[in-house]
N, C-alpha and C. Protein backbone atom coordinates (compact mmCIF):
# COMPACT_ATOMS: atom_id res chain seq x y z
N UNK A 1 150.11 58.94 91.95
CA UNK A 1 150.92 60.04 91.55
C UNK A 1 152.25 60.04 92.27
N UNK A 2 152.96 61.10 92.08
CA UNK A 2 154.28 61.25 92.70
C UNK A 2 154.22 62.38 93.70
N UNK A 3 154.76 62.11 94.88
CA UNK A 3 154.86 63.11 95.93
C UNK A 3 156.32 63.18 96.34
N UNK A 4 156.91 64.35 96.21
CA UNK A 4 158.31 64.52 96.63
C UNK A 4 158.36 64.50 98.15
N UNK A 5 159.29 63.72 98.69
CA UNK A 5 159.43 63.63 100.15
C UNK A 5 160.86 63.25 100.48
N UNK A 6 161.33 63.73 101.60
CA UNK A 6 162.66 63.35 102.08
C UNK A 6 162.62 61.99 102.75
N UNK A 7 161.50 61.69 103.43
CA UNK A 7 161.36 60.42 104.15
C UNK A 7 159.93 59.93 103.95
N UNK A 8 159.77 58.62 103.80
CA UNK A 8 158.46 58.00 103.73
C UNK A 8 158.41 56.92 104.79
N UNK A 9 157.38 56.95 105.60
CA UNK A 9 157.18 55.92 106.63
C UNK A 9 156.02 55.04 106.17
N UNK A 10 156.25 53.75 106.14
CA UNK A 10 155.24 52.80 105.72
C UNK A 10 154.84 51.93 106.90
N UNK A 11 153.56 51.83 107.14
CA UNK A 11 153.06 50.96 108.20
C UNK A 11 152.26 49.81 107.58
N UNK A 12 152.49 49.56 106.31
CA UNK A 12 151.78 48.49 105.62
C UNK A 12 152.62 47.24 105.54
N UNK A 13 152.07 46.25 104.88
CA UNK A 13 152.76 44.99 104.68
C UNK A 13 154.05 45.23 103.89
N UNK A 14 155.16 44.80 104.45
CA UNK A 14 156.48 45.08 103.86
C UNK A 14 156.59 44.51 102.45
N UNK A 15 156.23 43.25 102.29
CA UNK A 15 156.37 42.62 100.97
C UNK A 15 155.47 43.30 99.94
N UNK A 16 154.26 43.63 100.32
CA UNK A 16 153.35 44.32 99.39
C UNK A 16 153.92 45.67 98.99
N UNK A 17 154.40 46.41 99.97
CA UNK A 17 154.96 47.73 99.69
C UNK A 17 156.15 47.63 98.75
N UNK A 18 157.05 46.71 99.05
CA UNK A 18 158.24 46.54 98.21
C UNK A 18 157.89 46.19 96.77
N UNK A 19 156.96 45.28 96.58
CA UNK A 19 156.71 44.74 95.24
C UNK A 19 155.60 45.46 94.48
N UNK A 20 154.80 46.27 95.15
CA UNK A 20 153.67 46.91 94.48
C UNK A 20 153.69 48.43 94.52
N UNK A 21 154.37 49.02 95.47
CA UNK A 21 154.31 50.47 95.61
C UNK A 21 155.63 51.17 95.31
N UNK A 22 156.71 50.42 95.29
CA UNK A 22 158.03 51.03 95.08
C UNK A 22 158.56 50.58 93.72
N UNK A 23 159.07 51.51 92.96
CA UNK A 23 159.67 51.20 91.68
C UNK A 23 160.77 50.15 91.90
N UNK A 24 160.86 49.20 91.01
CA UNK A 24 161.79 48.08 91.15
C UNK A 24 163.22 48.52 91.46
N UNK A 25 163.67 49.61 90.87
CA UNK A 25 165.06 50.03 91.09
C UNK A 25 165.31 50.52 92.53
N UNK A 26 164.23 50.82 93.27
CA UNK A 26 164.37 51.27 94.66
C UNK A 26 164.03 50.20 95.68
N UNK A 27 163.62 49.04 95.23
CA UNK A 27 163.25 47.96 96.15
C UNK A 27 164.48 47.42 96.88
N UNK A 28 164.30 47.15 98.15
CA UNK A 28 165.35 46.51 98.94
C UNK A 28 165.49 45.04 98.53
N UNK A 29 164.33 44.40 98.29
CA UNK A 29 164.30 42.99 97.92
C UNK A 29 163.40 42.81 96.70
N UNK A 30 163.82 41.98 95.74
CA UNK A 30 162.97 41.72 94.57
C UNK A 30 161.83 40.77 94.94
N UNK A 31 160.87 40.65 94.05
CA UNK A 31 159.72 39.78 94.28
C UNK A 31 160.15 38.32 94.53
N UNK A 32 161.21 37.88 93.85
CA UNK A 32 161.70 36.50 94.03
C UNK A 32 162.12 36.24 95.48
N UNK A 33 162.65 37.25 96.14
CA UNK A 33 163.02 37.14 97.56
C UNK A 33 161.80 36.80 98.41
N UNK A 34 160.70 37.52 98.17
CA UNK A 34 159.50 37.34 98.99
C UNK A 34 158.85 35.99 98.75
N UNK A 35 158.98 35.48 97.53
CA UNK A 35 158.39 34.17 97.24
C UNK A 35 159.04 33.05 98.04
N UNK A 36 160.29 33.22 98.43
CA UNK A 36 161.03 32.20 99.18
C UNK A 36 160.89 32.35 100.70
N UNK A 37 160.37 33.46 101.16
CA UNK A 37 160.32 33.75 102.59
C UNK A 37 159.21 32.99 103.29
N UNK A 38 159.47 32.62 104.53
CA UNK A 38 158.43 32.11 105.41
C UNK A 38 157.86 33.32 106.13
N UNK A 39 156.61 33.62 105.83
CA UNK A 39 155.94 34.77 106.43
C UNK A 39 155.19 34.34 107.68
N UNK A 40 154.73 35.31 108.41
CA UNK A 40 153.94 34.99 109.60
C UNK A 40 152.66 34.26 109.20
N UNK A 41 152.05 33.56 110.13
CA UNK A 41 150.83 32.82 109.80
C UNK A 41 149.68 33.75 109.43
N UNK A 42 148.68 33.16 108.85
CA UNK A 42 147.42 33.85 108.69
C UNK A 42 146.63 33.59 109.97
N UNK A 43 145.40 34.01 109.97
CA UNK A 43 144.59 33.79 111.16
C UNK A 43 143.17 33.43 110.78
N UNK A 44 142.61 32.53 111.53
CA UNK A 44 141.19 32.24 111.47
C UNK A 44 140.55 33.12 112.53
N UNK A 45 139.64 34.00 112.12
CA UNK A 45 138.99 34.92 113.03
C UNK A 45 137.52 34.56 113.18
N UNK A 46 137.04 34.61 114.39
CA UNK A 46 135.62 34.43 114.65
C UNK A 46 135.14 35.56 115.55
N UNK A 47 134.19 36.33 115.06
CA UNK A 47 133.55 37.37 115.88
C UNK A 47 132.18 36.81 116.26
N UNK A 48 131.98 36.61 117.56
CA UNK A 48 130.79 35.89 118.02
C UNK A 48 130.05 36.72 119.07
N UNK A 49 128.75 36.86 118.89
CA UNK A 49 127.89 37.48 119.89
C UNK A 49 126.97 36.43 120.47
N UNK A 50 126.91 36.35 121.80
CA UNK A 50 126.14 35.31 122.48
C UNK A 50 125.07 35.98 123.35
N UNK A 51 123.84 35.49 123.29
CA UNK A 51 122.75 36.13 124.02
C UNK A 51 122.62 35.68 125.47
N UNK A 52 123.74 35.32 126.06
CA UNK A 52 123.75 35.02 127.50
C UNK A 52 125.17 35.20 128.01
N UNK A 53 125.32 35.30 129.31
CA UNK A 53 126.64 35.40 129.93
C UNK A 53 127.26 34.02 130.00
N UNK A 54 128.57 33.97 129.84
CA UNK A 54 129.30 32.70 129.87
C UNK A 54 130.24 32.70 131.07
N UNK A 55 130.01 31.80 132.02
CA UNK A 55 130.90 31.72 133.18
C UNK A 55 132.24 31.07 132.80
N UNK A 56 133.16 31.16 133.68
CA UNK A 56 134.46 30.48 133.56
C UNK A 56 135.32 30.98 132.40
N UNK A 57 135.07 32.20 131.95
CA UNK A 57 135.95 32.84 130.97
C UNK A 57 136.53 34.10 131.59
N UNK A 58 137.76 34.40 131.20
CA UNK A 58 138.38 35.66 131.58
C UNK A 58 138.35 36.57 130.35
N UNK A 59 138.84 37.76 130.50
CA UNK A 59 138.95 38.67 129.34
C UNK A 59 139.86 38.03 128.29
N UNK A 60 141.03 37.52 128.72
CA UNK A 60 141.98 36.85 127.82
C UNK A 60 142.02 35.36 128.18
N UNK A 61 141.91 34.49 127.17
CA UNK A 61 141.92 33.04 127.38
C UNK A 61 142.76 32.40 126.29
N UNK A 62 143.68 31.54 126.68
CA UNK A 62 144.51 30.80 125.72
C UNK A 62 144.13 29.33 125.77
N UNK A 63 143.90 28.75 124.63
CA UNK A 63 143.57 27.33 124.53
C UNK A 63 144.74 26.61 123.88
N UNK A 64 145.61 26.09 124.72
CA UNK A 64 146.74 25.28 124.28
C UNK A 64 146.42 23.82 124.61
N UNK A 65 145.26 23.38 124.17
CA UNK A 65 144.74 22.07 124.54
C UNK A 65 144.93 21.01 123.45
N UNK A 66 145.76 21.34 122.45
CA UNK A 66 146.07 20.36 121.40
C UNK A 66 147.59 20.26 121.29
N UNK A 67 148.05 19.40 120.42
CA UNK A 67 149.48 19.15 120.27
C UNK A 67 150.19 20.37 119.65
N UNK A 68 151.02 21.01 120.44
CA UNK A 68 151.76 22.22 120.04
C UNK A 68 152.61 21.96 118.79
N UNK A 69 153.43 20.92 118.82
CA UNK A 69 154.34 20.64 117.70
C UNK A 69 153.57 20.35 116.41
N UNK A 70 152.51 19.54 116.50
CA UNK A 70 151.72 19.23 115.31
C UNK A 70 151.10 20.49 114.73
N UNK A 71 150.51 21.32 115.60
CA UNK A 71 149.85 22.53 115.13
C UNK A 71 150.85 23.45 114.41
N UNK A 72 152.00 23.68 115.00
CA UNK A 72 152.95 24.59 114.36
C UNK A 72 153.67 23.97 113.18
N UNK A 73 153.74 22.64 113.11
CA UNK A 73 154.21 21.99 111.88
C UNK A 73 153.21 22.26 110.75
N UNK A 74 151.92 22.19 111.05
CA UNK A 74 150.89 22.47 110.05
C UNK A 74 150.98 23.93 109.58
N UNK A 75 151.25 24.84 110.50
CA UNK A 75 151.30 26.26 110.16
C UNK A 75 152.53 26.61 109.34
N UNK A 76 153.71 26.09 109.74
CA UNK A 76 154.95 26.53 109.11
C UNK A 76 155.63 25.51 108.20
N UNK A 77 155.50 24.23 108.47
CA UNK A 77 156.24 23.22 107.68
C UNK A 77 155.39 22.61 106.58
N UNK A 78 154.36 21.87 106.98
CA UNK A 78 153.53 21.21 105.96
C UNK A 78 152.53 22.17 105.34
N UNK A 79 152.27 23.29 106.01
CA UNK A 79 151.37 24.35 105.55
C UNK A 79 150.00 23.79 105.17
N UNK A 80 149.49 22.92 106.06
CA UNK A 80 148.15 22.34 105.89
C UNK A 80 147.16 23.12 106.74
N UNK A 81 145.89 23.00 106.41
CA UNK A 81 144.85 23.58 107.23
C UNK A 81 144.83 22.84 108.57
N UNK A 82 144.86 23.57 109.64
CA UNK A 82 144.90 22.97 110.99
C UNK A 82 143.50 22.51 111.38
N UNK A 83 143.39 21.23 111.69
CA UNK A 83 142.10 20.68 112.09
C UNK A 83 141.81 20.96 113.56
N UNK A 84 142.84 21.07 114.36
CA UNK A 84 142.71 21.30 115.80
C UNK A 84 143.65 22.43 116.22
N UNK A 85 143.44 23.64 115.76
CA UNK A 85 144.41 24.69 116.09
C UNK A 85 144.32 25.14 117.54
N UNK A 86 145.43 25.55 118.08
CA UNK A 86 145.39 26.25 119.35
C UNK A 86 144.82 27.63 119.04
N UNK A 87 144.27 28.30 120.03
CA UNK A 87 143.67 29.59 119.74
C UNK A 87 143.61 30.48 120.97
N UNK A 88 143.40 31.75 120.67
CA UNK A 88 143.20 32.79 121.67
C UNK A 88 141.72 33.16 121.64
N UNK A 89 141.14 33.31 122.80
CA UNK A 89 139.75 33.73 122.92
C UNK A 89 139.70 34.97 123.80
N UNK A 90 139.18 36.04 123.25
CA UNK A 90 139.01 37.27 124.00
C UNK A 90 137.51 37.44 124.30
N UNK A 91 137.19 37.71 125.57
CA UNK A 91 135.82 38.00 125.98
C UNK A 91 135.82 39.41 126.59
N UNK A 92 135.90 40.45 125.75
CA UNK A 92 136.03 41.81 126.26
C UNK A 92 134.86 42.27 127.11
N UNK A 93 133.70 41.64 126.92
CA UNK A 93 132.53 42.02 127.71
C UNK A 93 132.68 41.63 129.18
N UNK A 94 133.69 40.82 129.50
CA UNK A 94 133.96 40.48 130.90
C UNK A 94 134.46 41.70 131.67
N UNK A 95 135.16 42.61 131.01
CA UNK A 95 135.72 43.78 131.69
C UNK A 95 135.14 45.10 131.19
N UNK A 96 134.45 45.07 130.06
CA UNK A 96 133.87 46.29 129.51
C UNK A 96 132.44 46.00 129.05
N UNK A 97 131.47 46.26 129.91
CA UNK A 97 130.08 45.93 129.56
C UNK A 97 129.53 46.70 128.36
N UNK A 98 130.21 47.75 127.93
CA UNK A 98 129.71 48.54 126.80
C UNK A 98 129.89 47.85 125.45
N UNK A 99 130.64 46.73 125.39
CA UNK A 99 130.91 46.08 124.10
C UNK A 99 129.88 45.00 123.75
N UNK A 100 128.89 44.80 124.61
CA UNK A 100 127.82 43.83 124.32
C UNK A 100 126.55 44.31 125.03
N UNK A 101 125.39 43.98 124.47
CA UNK A 101 124.15 44.32 125.17
C UNK A 101 124.10 43.64 126.55
N UNK A 102 123.34 44.23 127.46
CA UNK A 102 123.25 43.70 128.82
C UNK A 102 122.84 42.23 128.80
N UNK A 103 123.55 41.43 129.58
CA UNK A 103 123.26 40.01 129.69
C UNK A 103 123.83 39.16 128.57
N UNK A 104 124.64 39.78 127.71
CA UNK A 104 125.21 39.05 126.57
C UNK A 104 126.73 39.09 126.62
N UNK A 105 127.37 38.28 125.77
CA UNK A 105 128.83 38.25 125.67
C UNK A 105 129.28 38.55 124.25
N UNK A 106 130.44 39.15 124.17
CA UNK A 106 131.10 39.48 122.92
C UNK A 106 132.39 38.65 122.91
N UNK A 107 132.56 37.79 121.94
CA UNK A 107 133.74 36.92 121.86
C UNK A 107 134.51 37.17 120.57
N UNK A 108 135.82 37.07 120.68
CA UNK A 108 136.72 37.18 119.53
C UNK A 108 137.66 35.98 119.58
N UNK A 109 137.69 35.21 118.51
CA UNK A 109 138.53 34.01 118.42
C UNK A 109 139.61 34.26 117.37
N UNK A 110 140.85 33.93 117.70
CA UNK A 110 141.97 34.03 116.76
C UNK A 110 142.78 32.75 116.84
N UNK A 111 142.85 32.02 115.73
CA UNK A 111 143.65 30.81 115.65
C UNK A 111 144.68 30.99 114.55
N UNK A 112 145.98 30.81 114.85
CA UNK A 112 146.98 30.89 113.78
C UNK A 112 146.82 29.71 112.82
N UNK A 113 146.85 30.01 111.53
CA UNK A 113 146.77 28.98 110.49
C UNK A 113 147.79 29.30 109.42
N UNK A 114 148.16 28.31 108.62
CA UNK A 114 149.15 28.52 107.56
C UNK A 114 148.67 29.59 106.60
N UNK A 115 149.59 30.47 106.19
CA UNK A 115 149.21 31.48 105.20
C UNK A 115 149.19 30.83 103.82
N UNK A 116 148.61 31.53 102.88
CA UNK A 116 148.53 30.99 101.51
C UNK A 116 147.10 31.04 101.04
N UNK A 117 146.57 29.92 100.66
CA UNK A 117 145.22 29.88 100.12
C UNK A 117 144.18 29.65 101.20
N UNK A 118 143.12 30.44 101.13
CA UNK A 118 142.03 30.31 102.09
C UNK A 118 141.13 29.15 101.72
N UNK A 119 140.78 28.31 102.69
CA UNK A 119 139.78 27.28 102.41
C UNK A 119 138.42 27.95 102.12
N UNK A 120 137.49 27.17 101.62
CA UNK A 120 136.17 27.76 101.35
C UNK A 120 135.45 28.07 102.67
N UNK A 121 134.38 28.83 102.56
CA UNK A 121 133.67 29.31 103.76
C UNK A 121 133.13 28.17 104.60
N UNK A 122 132.76 27.06 103.96
CA UNK A 122 132.25 25.89 104.70
C UNK A 122 133.32 25.35 105.64
N UNK A 123 134.55 25.27 105.19
CA UNK A 123 135.65 24.78 106.03
C UNK A 123 135.90 25.76 107.19
N UNK A 124 135.86 27.07 106.89
CA UNK A 124 136.07 28.07 107.94
C UNK A 124 134.97 27.98 109.01
N UNK A 125 133.74 27.86 108.57
CA UNK A 125 132.62 27.76 109.52
C UNK A 125 132.73 26.51 110.38
N UNK A 126 133.13 25.39 109.76
CA UNK A 126 133.28 24.14 110.51
C UNK A 126 134.41 24.27 111.54
N UNK A 127 135.48 24.95 111.18
CA UNK A 127 136.59 25.14 112.11
C UNK A 127 136.13 25.95 113.33
N UNK A 128 135.34 26.99 113.11
CA UNK A 128 134.81 27.78 114.23
C UNK A 128 133.84 26.93 115.05
N UNK A 129 133.01 26.12 114.39
CA UNK A 129 132.12 25.21 115.13
C UNK A 129 132.91 24.30 116.06
N UNK A 130 134.01 23.73 115.55
CA UNK A 130 134.84 22.84 116.36
C UNK A 130 135.46 23.58 117.54
N UNK A 131 135.89 24.80 117.32
CA UNK A 131 136.47 25.61 118.40
C UNK A 131 135.40 25.93 119.44
N UNK A 132 134.19 26.24 119.00
CA UNK A 132 133.10 26.52 119.95
C UNK A 132 132.83 25.31 120.82
N UNK A 133 132.85 24.12 120.24
CA UNK A 133 132.66 22.89 121.02
C UNK A 133 133.75 22.77 122.08
N UNK A 134 134.99 23.07 121.72
CA UNK A 134 136.09 23.00 122.70
C UNK A 134 135.90 24.02 123.82
N UNK A 135 135.45 25.22 123.46
CA UNK A 135 135.19 26.24 124.49
C UNK A 135 134.09 25.76 125.42
N UNK A 136 133.00 25.26 124.85
CA UNK A 136 131.88 24.77 125.67
C UNK A 136 132.34 23.68 126.63
N UNK A 137 133.16 22.75 126.16
CA UNK A 137 133.67 21.67 127.02
C UNK A 137 134.52 22.23 128.15
N UNK A 138 135.34 23.22 127.84
CA UNK A 138 136.26 23.80 128.83
C UNK A 138 135.50 24.59 129.90
N UNK A 139 134.51 25.38 129.49
CA UNK A 139 133.82 26.23 130.46
C UNK A 139 132.59 25.56 131.08
N UNK A 140 132.19 24.39 130.52
CA UNK A 140 131.05 23.67 131.08
C UNK A 140 129.70 24.31 130.80
N UNK A 141 129.63 25.11 129.75
CA UNK A 141 128.38 25.78 129.39
C UNK A 141 128.19 25.73 127.88
N UNK A 142 127.03 25.28 127.44
CA UNK A 142 126.71 25.29 126.01
C UNK A 142 126.23 26.67 125.61
N UNK A 143 126.65 27.12 124.44
CA UNK A 143 126.18 28.42 123.95
C UNK A 143 126.02 28.47 122.44
N UNK A 144 126.34 27.39 121.74
CA UNK A 144 126.24 27.40 120.27
C UNK A 144 124.84 27.79 119.82
N UNK A 145 123.83 27.34 120.53
CA UNK A 145 122.44 27.66 120.19
C UNK A 145 122.03 29.08 120.57
N UNK A 146 122.90 29.79 121.27
CA UNK A 146 122.61 31.15 121.73
C UNK A 146 123.40 32.21 120.96
N UNK A 147 124.03 31.82 119.87
CA UNK A 147 124.81 32.77 119.07
C UNK A 147 123.86 33.62 118.23
N UNK A 148 124.01 34.94 118.36
CA UNK A 148 123.16 35.87 117.61
C UNK A 148 123.95 36.65 116.56
N UNK A 149 125.26 36.69 116.72
CA UNK A 149 126.14 37.34 115.74
C UNK A 149 127.29 36.38 115.48
N UNK A 150 127.60 36.19 114.20
CA UNK A 150 128.69 35.28 113.85
C UNK A 150 129.31 35.78 112.55
N UNK A 151 130.59 36.09 112.60
CA UNK A 151 131.31 36.56 111.42
C UNK A 151 132.65 35.83 111.43
N UNK A 152 132.90 35.05 110.39
CA UNK A 152 134.11 34.23 110.31
C UNK A 152 134.94 34.70 109.13
N UNK A 153 136.22 34.96 109.38
CA UNK A 153 137.11 35.47 108.34
C UNK A 153 138.46 34.75 108.42
N UNK A 154 139.22 34.88 107.33
CA UNK A 154 140.58 34.31 107.32
C UNK A 154 141.42 35.06 106.29
N UNK A 155 142.27 34.34 105.60
CA UNK A 155 143.27 34.86 104.67
C UNK A 155 142.78 36.02 103.79
N UNK A 156 141.66 35.80 103.12
CA UNK A 156 141.18 36.80 102.16
C UNK A 156 140.87 38.13 102.82
N UNK A 157 140.45 38.10 104.06
CA UNK A 157 140.21 39.33 104.81
C UNK A 157 141.51 40.12 104.97
N UNK A 158 142.58 39.43 105.34
CA UNK A 158 143.87 40.10 105.53
C UNK A 158 144.43 40.61 104.20
N UNK A 159 144.22 39.83 103.13
CA UNK A 159 144.68 40.25 101.80
C UNK A 159 143.93 41.49 101.34
N UNK A 160 142.62 41.45 101.39
CA UNK A 160 141.83 42.54 100.82
C UNK A 160 141.83 43.79 101.70
N UNK A 161 141.89 43.64 103.00
CA UNK A 161 141.83 44.78 103.89
C UNK A 161 143.19 45.43 104.11
N UNK A 162 144.23 44.61 104.24
CA UNK A 162 145.55 45.12 104.61
C UNK A 162 146.62 44.88 103.54
N UNK A 163 146.24 44.32 102.39
CA UNK A 163 147.20 43.93 101.35
C UNK A 163 148.28 43.01 101.93
N UNK A 164 147.90 42.16 102.84
CA UNK A 164 148.86 41.27 103.50
C UNK A 164 149.24 40.12 102.57
N UNK A 165 150.51 40.01 102.30
CA UNK A 165 151.04 38.99 101.39
C UNK A 165 150.66 37.60 101.90
N UNK A 166 150.08 36.82 101.02
CA UNK A 166 149.60 35.46 101.32
C UNK A 166 148.60 35.41 102.47
N UNK A 167 148.02 36.56 102.80
CA UNK A 167 147.03 36.60 103.87
C UNK A 167 147.62 36.49 105.25
N UNK A 168 148.92 36.84 105.40
CA UNK A 168 149.52 36.75 106.74
C UNK A 168 148.83 37.76 107.66
N UNK A 169 148.71 37.39 108.92
CA UNK A 169 147.93 38.18 109.87
C UNK A 169 148.79 38.98 110.83
N UNK A 170 150.09 38.75 110.82
CA UNK A 170 150.91 39.38 111.86
C UNK A 170 152.01 40.20 111.25
């Protein structure tokens, strides 16, 4: 419907708002503008629950253990699926025991990936498996067999939940 207002504040995806919620005559940029833009990356998300404590992790962990230039070329230039993405790992249960059952860990993985089309779920799951192997090698503790919660998401999550253009995550 129509709501008369002097000011409207939008906290949604700019491109989506411009091209889907605003009448064309009021748009700052036409749809053709957005098609040419380089948007922020999408993200590969992994929500992981582990039935044991994991040593050698902090609340915030950055894994810059692969080639920086290659990874960001894949994200922004060639726009290919990253086989070895750098990633952020959050272990909030290290500082807040209320976010996981006693004796367990709660992990959140975020890897920037090229926006656009989401690979199938098999590719997403394999990417998280590869990241888990890298974490295990870094911390010196195996935990893949101790995972009790696993939820893997990417582009389509950002599109459907936030109307994020091309599944951009940022």
